Amino acid sequence: MPKRPEHIFTCGSPITTTRFHPTESTLIIGGCQSGQVVVWDVRAGRMPVQKSILTTTANGNSKGHTHPICAMEAIEGGAGLVTSATDGRVNFWSLANLRDPVESLQIGDSVSCLAVAPESGNLICGDDMGSIYTVQSPNASLGGGGGQRSRRQVRKLDCGDECHFGMVTSVATKRLKSSTRAGLSKGFLRGTGELFLSSGVDWTVKLWAPAYTDKAILSLVSHSYDYMSDVQWNPTHPALIATASSNGTIGLWNLAHSMEEPITGSDGIVVEPDGGSGRGLNKLKWSPDGRRLLAASADRVHVLVLSEDVVRQKGDEDSRMMNHLISRGLLDRE
């Protein structure tokens, strides 16, 4: 049905972010401008079947969000949910009961984006001032387990001049289980398994290795001097990333081959070559097989199909990327 959506969902507040439930195919989770978290079921019509409350406690403090929800991720295999709001509050929820959050943390004065490290379960958050925070998973060992939980620890990366100069627009973690890894340090896996990327309004995309250092180990600069609105790691290729710019172009980088120039050249891929409005790109999303790329631009969604030569791995590119980082002195040898 290319002319109309299959389902339409609504609620009492503008929707700022949505996610499919990772295991229950009929459930869709949404975050609202009002700070409310809602769940829709495709079998139950347009209105939410579950939602968080917006009331405050007796002393005037709200248990949930009171500012717009800016980011959201499912955790614990879909049993839990983490949300962040523009006032810097990060809430952890049980999807079995969305009435109140299970745990709430205050991270600085604002949060603009977040991502979950797939192996350790740690959170990475960016804020409006260019700072990066990590939130330690309460599980003592990788993979979690049913043991006693400890309190989550919030750490602001002491990155100095390597921080973004301005709002962090997105953070992205790797989703590959075959990445090079070598033990745990500072709560993160060493090797390439828990590298993450961030994009900012300062024209840059930065590569981070929190197990090794608080500073960004690599900066990829936009040649157009427009702010970078999103960055996403390919889910199947260990060294391929895509960047989106406010000038309407997409950049593709293969960090196993070059850390200086994107494979799309300095001009990038112009998504709307005949578009007179000069629409900037807002968000990117890879297909699960890593062969297609969705790009959101104003009120349009574009689908790009990548050639086999771009998405196909040529040898062990994860190890090649790691060797490049070590040979440049950006990472320590194990």
Protein backbone atom coordinates (compact mmCIF):
# COMPACT_ATOMS: atom_id res chain seq x y z
CA MET A 1 0.00 0.00 0.00
CA PRO A 2 2.32 2.79 -1.19
CA LYS A 3 -0.39 5.45 -1.09
CA ARG A 4 -1.44 5.20 2.56
CA PRO A 5 -0.14 3.86 5.89
CA GLU A 6 -1.27 0.45 7.07
CA HIS A 7 -1.85 1.70 10.63
CA ILE A 8 -2.25 5.12 12.23
CA PHE A 9 -1.71 5.62 15.96
CA THR A 10 -2.41 8.71 18.02
CA CYS A 11 -2.51 10.00 21.58
CA GLY A 12 -3.10 13.23 23.50
CA SER A 13 0.31 14.80 22.88
CA PRO A 14 2.66 15.24 19.88
CA ILE A 15 4.91 12.20 19.38
CA THR A 16 8.65 12.89 19.54
CA THR A 17 10.07 9.36 19.20
CA THR A 18 8.87 5.79 18.55
CA ARG A 19 10.26 2.26 18.66
CA PHE A 20 9.06 -1.18 17.69
CA HIS A 21 9.07 -3.59 20.61
CA PRO A 22 12.08 -5.87 19.97
CA THR A 23 10.24 -9.16 20.65
CA GLU A 24 6.49 -8.43 20.59
CA SER A 25 5.74 -7.60 16.97
CA THR A 26 2.31 -6.10 17.69
CA LEU A 27 3.56 -3.50 20.19
CA ILE A 28 4.85 -0.01 19.36
CA ILE A 29 6.31 2.29 22.03
CA GLY A 30 6.13 6.07 21.84
CA GLY A 31 7.52 9.07 23.70
CA CYS A 32 5.56 12.32 23.83
CA GLN A 33 6.25 16.03 24.02
CA SER A 34 4.31 16.05 27.30
CA GLY A 35 6.81 13.57 28.81
CA GLN A 36 4.39 10.66 28.68
CA VAL A 37 5.39 7.15 27.57
CA VAL A 38 2.72 5.24 25.64
CA VAL A 39 2.34 1.77 24.14
CA TRP A 40 0.12 0.94 21.18
CA ASP A 41 -1.06 -2.52 20.09
CA VAL A 42 -1.82 -2.91 16.38
CA ARG A 43 -4.70 -5.24 17.34
CA ALA A 44 -6.37 -2.62 19.54
CA GLY A 45 -6.85 0.41 17.26
CA ARG A 46 -5.41 3.90 17.28
CA MET A 47 -5.30 4.74 20.99
CA PRO A 48 -2.62 3.58 23.48
CA VAL A 49 -3.22 0.44 25.50
CA GLN A 50 -0.77 1.53 28.20
CA LYS A 51 0.72 4.88 29.26
CA SER A 52 2.69 6.48 32.07
CA ILE A 53 1.04 8.95 34.43
CA LEU A 54 1.66 12.70 34.37
CA THR A 55 0.71 13.54 37.95
CA THR A 56 3.17 14.89 40.52
CA THR A 57 3.92 13.78 44.07
CA ALA A 58 2.76 15.60 47.18
CA ASN A 59 5.88 17.80 47.27
CA GLY A 60 5.43 18.82 43.64
CA ASN A 61 8.05 16.48 42.11
CA SER A 62 7.02 14.30 39.20
CA LYS A 63 8.03 10.65 39.16
CA GLY A 64 7.94 10.59 35.36
CA HIS A 65 9.06 13.08 32.74
CA THR A 66 7.72 16.63 32.72
CA HIS A 67 9.69 17.75 29.66
CA PRO A 68 9.65 16.42 26.07
CA ILE A 69 11.13 12.95 25.61
CA CYS A 70 14.02 13.24 23.16
CA ALA A 71 15.31 9.65 22.99
CA MET A 72 14.22 6.15 23.88
CA GLU A 73 15.64 2.62 23.68
CA ALA A 74 14.35 -0.82 24.66
CA ILE A 75 16.61 -2.69 27.08
CA GLU A 76 16.72 -6.06 28.86
CA GLY A 77 15.48 -7.87 25.78
CA GLY A 78 12.34 -5.76 25.61
CA ALA A 79 11.33 -6.12 29.26
CA GLY A 80 12.60 -2.63 30.05
CA LEU A 81 12.77 0.81 28.50
CA VAL A 82 15.06 3.80 28.99
CA THR A 83 13.94 7.32 28.08
CA SER A 84 15.62 10.71 28.28
CA ALA A 85 14.05 14.16 28.37
CA THR A 86 15.32 17.60 27.47
CA ASP A 87 15.69 18.57 31.16
CA GLY A 88 18.43 15.95 31.66
CA ARG A 89 16.33 13.32 33.37
CA VAL A 90 16.83 9.69 32.33
CA ASN A 91 14.15 7.22 33.41
CA PHE A 92 14.19 3.43 33.44
CA TRP A 93 10.83 1.68 33.03
CA SER A 94 9.39 -1.82 33.23
CA LEU A 95 7.07 -2.40 30.29
CA ALA A 96 5.00 -4.66 32.52
CA ASN A 97 3.91 -1.53 34.42
CA LEU A 98 4.39 1.93 32.92
CA ARG A 99 2.64 3.79 35.74
CA ASP A 100 5.90 5.08 37.25
CA PRO A 101 9.59 4.65 36.32
CA VAL A 102 11.59 2.01 38.14
CA GLU A 103 14.59 4.33 38.46
CA SER A 104 15.32 7.95 37.62
CA LEU A 105 18.66 9.74 37.16
CA GLN A 106 19.54 13.39 36.59
CA ILE A 107 22.28 13.85 33.98
CA GLY A 108 23.47 17.45 33.79
CA ASP A 109 20.98 20.09 32.71
CA SER A 110 19.91 18.53 29.40
CA VAL A 111 20.02 15.37 27.30
CA SER A 112 19.77 15.49 23.51
CA CYS A 113 20.36 11.83 22.56
CA LEU A 114 21.24 8.41 23.95
CA ALA A 115 22.31 4.93 22.85
CA VAL A 116 22.85 1.57 24.56
CA ALA A 117 26.13 -0.34 24.35
CA PRO A 118 24.94 -3.78 23.16
CA GLU A 119 27.32 -5.97 25.18
CA SER A 120 27.75 -4.21 28.53
CA GLY A 121 24.32 -2.55 28.57
CA ASN A 122 25.84 0.83 29.47
CA LEU A 123 24.17 4.02 28.27
CA ILE A 124 25.88 6.80 26.34
CA CYS A 125 24.19 10.20 26.45
CA GLY A 126 24.93 13.48 24.69
CA ASP A 127 23.68 16.88 25.81
CA ASP A 128 22.98 20.33 24.41
CA MET A 129 26.38 21.67 25.51
CA GLY A 130 28.48 19.06 23.69
CA SER A 131 29.27 16.83 26.67
CA ILE A 132 29.18 13.03 26.66
CA TYR A 133 28.02 10.97 29.68
CA THR A 134 28.08 7.25 30.37
CA VAL A 135 25.67 5.46 32.70
CA GLN A 136 27.00 2.21 34.12
CA SER A 137 24.76 -0.83 33.80
CA PRO A 138 23.71 -2.18 37.22
CA ASN A 139 24.67 -5.71 36.25
CA ALA A 140 28.02 -6.75 37.68
CA SER A 141 28.89 -8.99 34.72
CA LEU A 142 28.30 -8.90 30.99
CA GLY A 143 25.01 -10.35 29.94
CA GLY A 144 23.27 -9.39 33.17
CA GLY A 145 21.75 -12.18 35.18
CA GLY A 146 19.38 -12.34 38.10
CA GLY A 147 21.75 -11.17 40.80
CA GLN A 148 21.44 -8.19 43.11
CA ARG A 149 21.53 -4.91 41.23
CA SER A 150 23.78 -2.04 42.24
CA ARG A 151 23.01 1.60 41.69
CA ARG A 152 23.80 2.97 38.24
CA GLN A 153 26.84 5.23 38.12
CA VAL A 154 26.85 8.37 35.96
CA ARG A 155 30.22 9.53 34.57
CA LYS A 156 30.89 12.61 32.48
CA LEU A 157 33.72 11.98 30.04
CA ASP A 158 36.61 14.32 30.76
CA CYS A 159 37.25 14.93 27.07
CA GLY A 160 38.52 18.53 27.27
CA ASP A 161 38.94 20.09 23.83
CA GLU A 162 37.83 16.81 22.20
CA CYS A 163 34.20 17.39 23.21
CA HIS A 164 31.71 18.74 20.71
CA PHE A 165 31.37 22.51 20.54
CA GLY A 166 27.59 22.63 20.68
CA MET A 167 24.72 20.19 20.84
CA VAL A 168 25.36 16.48 20.32
CA THR A 169 22.75 15.51 17.74
CA SER A 170 23.16 11.72 17.93
CA VAL A 171 25.19 8.86 19.38
CA ALA A 172 25.48 5.41 17.78
CA THR A 173 26.87 2.11 19.07
CA LYS A 174 27.99 -0.97 17.15
CA ARG A 175 25.57 -3.89 16.93
CA LEU A 176 27.99 -6.62 15.88
CA LYS A 177 28.69 -9.58 18.14
CA SER A 178 31.78 -10.62 16.18
CA SER A 179 33.76 -7.47 16.91
CA THR A 180 37.27 -7.63 18.33
CA ARG A 181 37.12 -7.62 22.13
CA ALA A 182 39.61 -8.04 24.94
CA GLY A 183 38.28 -7.80 28.47
CA LEU A 184 36.53 -5.04 30.38
CA SER A 185 37.90 -1.62 31.33
CA LYS A 186 36.00 1.31 32.89
CA GLY A 187 32.83 -0.75 32.48
CA PHE A 188 33.24 -1.07 28.68
CA LEU A 189 34.66 -3.80 26.45
CA ARG A 190 38.11 -3.24 25.07
CA GLY A 191 38.68 -3.86 21.39
CA THR A 192 36.26 -2.51 18.79
CA GLY A 193 33.12 -4.07 20.26
CA GLU A 194 32.04 -0.98 22.19
CA LEU A 195 33.39 1.89 20.17
CA PHE A 196 30.70 4.50 19.60
CA LEU A 197 30.12 7.51 17.37
CA SER A 198 28.66 10.94 18.01
CA SER A 199 27.60 13.76 15.70
CA GLY A 200 27.26 17.44 16.52
CA VAL A 201 26.40 20.90 15.30
CA ASP A 202 30.14 21.67 15.22
CA TRP A 203 30.39 19.98 11.75
CA THR A 204 32.07 16.88 13.19
CA VAL A 205 31.46 13.19 13.78
CA LYS A 206 33.64 11.74 16.54
CA LEU A 207 34.77 8.20 17.31
CA TRP A 208 35.05 7.23 21.00
CA ALA A 209 36.64 4.29 22.85
CA PRO A 210 35.48 4.67 26.49
CA ALA A 211 37.37 1.56 27.63
CA TYR A 212 40.65 3.28 26.71
CA THR A 213 40.22 7.05 27.11
CA ASP A 214 37.68 9.76 27.86
CA LYS A 215 38.77 11.74 24.80
CA ALA A 216 37.51 11.25 21.26
CA ILE A 217 40.08 9.20 19.33
CA LEU A 218 39.06 10.43 15.86
CA SER A 219 37.16 13.38 14.36
CA LEU A 220 35.58 13.25 10.91
CA VAL A 221 34.95 16.79 9.68
CA SER A 222 32.13 17.79 7.34
CA HIS A 223 33.58 19.49 4.26
CA SER A 224 30.39 21.50 3.81
CA TYR A 225 30.64 23.23 7.20
CA ASP A 226 27.03 22.30 7.94
CA TYR A 227 26.02 20.65 11.15
CA MET A 228 25.86 16.88 11.31
CA SER A 229 22.36 15.77 12.22
CA ASP A 230 22.86 12.00 12.55
CA VAL A 231 25.39 9.17 12.36
CA GLN A 232 24.62 5.44 12.22
CA TRP A 233 26.83 2.35 12.23
CA ASN A 234 25.96 -0.29 9.64
CA PRO A 235 24.45 -3.30 11.47
CA THR A 236 26.33 -5.92 9.42
CA HIS A 237 29.54 -4.22 8.24
CA PRO A 238 31.93 -3.57 11.16
CA ALA A 239 33.63 -0.49 9.68
CA LEU A 240 30.91 1.16 7.56
CA ILE A 241 29.15 4.27 8.88
CA ALA A 242 26.69 6.75 7.40
CA THR A 243 26.44 10.45 8.29
CA ALA A 244 23.65 12.93 7.60
CA SER A 245 24.18 16.67 7.17
CA SER A 246 21.91 19.69 7.41
CA ASN A 247 22.82 20.52 3.79
CA GLY A 248 20.91 17.43 2.62
CA THR A 249 23.85 15.10 1.90
CA ILE A 250 24.82 11.64 3.15
CA GLY A 251 28.41 10.57 3.70
CA LEU A 252 29.59 6.95 3.76
CA TRP A 253 32.84 6.03 5.52
CA ASN A 254 34.69 2.72 5.60
CA LEU A 255 37.08 3.14 8.53
CA ALA A 256 38.94 -0.03 7.60
CA HIS A 257 40.07 1.59 4.34
CA SER A 258 40.42 5.30 5.13
CA MET A 259 40.03 7.54 8.14
CA GLU A 260 40.62 10.74 6.16
CA GLU A 261 38.17 10.62 3.25
CA PRO A 262 34.67 9.18 2.89
CA ILE A 263 34.06 6.69 0.10
CA THR A 264 31.34 9.03 -1.21
CA GLY A 265 33.87 11.83 -1.79
CA SER A 266 33.91 15.30 -0.29
CA ASP A 267 30.53 16.23 -1.79
CA GLY A 268 28.66 13.22 -0.41
CA ILE A 269 25.39 11.84 -1.78
CA VAL A 270 22.82 14.54 -2.50
CA VAL A 271 19.51 13.00 -1.49
CA GLU A 272 17.29 15.42 -3.44
CA PRO A 273 19.41 16.61 -6.40
CA ASP A 274 16.44 18.42 -7.96
CA GLY A 275 14.95 19.70 -4.72
CA GLY A 276 14.71 23.47 -4.74
CA SER A 277 13.92 23.71 -1.03
CA GLY A 278 17.36 22.62 0.11
CA ARG A 279 15.95 20.24 2.69
CA GLY A 280 18.35 19.16 5.38
CA LEU A 281 18.44 15.56 6.60
CA ASN A 282 17.14 14.78 10.07
CA LYS A 283 17.61 11.07 10.75
CA LEU A 284 19.15 7.93 9.25
CA LYS A 285 18.21 4.29 9.76
CA TRP A 286 19.80 1.15 8.30
CA SER A 287 17.78 -1.89 7.29
CA PRO A 288 18.62 -4.99 9.38
CA ASP A 289 20.59 -6.52 6.47
CA GLY A 290 22.66 -3.32 6.11
CA ARG A 291 21.92 -2.95 2.39
CA ARG A 292 19.38 -0.12 2.49
CA LEU A 293 19.43 3.23 4.20
CA LEU A 294 16.43 5.35 5.18
CA ALA A 295 16.92 9.12 5.27
CA ALA A 296 14.33 11.50 6.71
CA SER A 297 14.16 14.95 5.11
CA ALA A 298 11.43 17.36 6.21
CA ASP A 299 8.16 15.51 5.44
CA ARG A 300 9.74 12.86 3.22
CA VAL A 301 11.48 9.53 3.79
CA HIS A 302 13.99 8.41 1.15
CA VAL A 303 15.21 4.84 0.64
CA LEU A 304 18.75 4.39 -0.70
CA VAL A 305 19.90 0.98 -1.92
CA LEU A 306 23.66 0.53 -1.61
CA SER A 307 25.73 -1.38 -4.14
CA GLU A 308 27.16 -4.77 -3.28
CA ASP A 309 30.70 -3.40 -3.51
CA VAL A 310 30.00 -0.94 -0.68
CA VAL A 311 28.28 -3.25 1.82
CA ARG A 312 30.28 -6.44 1.16
CA GLN A 313 33.12 -7.11 3.57
CA LYS A 314 36.52 -7.64 2.01
CA GLY A 315 38.32 -9.76 4.57
CA ASP A 316 38.37 -9.09 8.32
CA GLU A 317 37.68 -5.37 8.18
CA ASP A 318 37.00 -5.15 11.91
CA SER A 319 40.58 -6.22 12.68
CA ARG A 320 41.89 -3.95 9.94
CA MET A 321 40.12 -0.98 11.51
CA MET A 322 41.56 -1.91 14.91
CA ASN A 323 45.07 -2.16 13.43
CA HIS A 324 44.69 1.29 11.84
CA LEU A 325 43.71 2.79 15.21
CA ILE A 326 46.63 1.10 16.98
CA SER A 327 49.22 2.00 14.32
CA ARG A 328 48.19 5.65 14.55
CA GLY A 329 48.63 5.58 18.31
CA LEU A 330 44.93 6.20 18.88
CA LEU A 331 44.45 2.98 20.86
CA ASP A 332 46.84 0.96 23.04
CA ARG A 333 47.90 -2.52 22.08
CA GLU A 334 46.27 -5.23 24.18
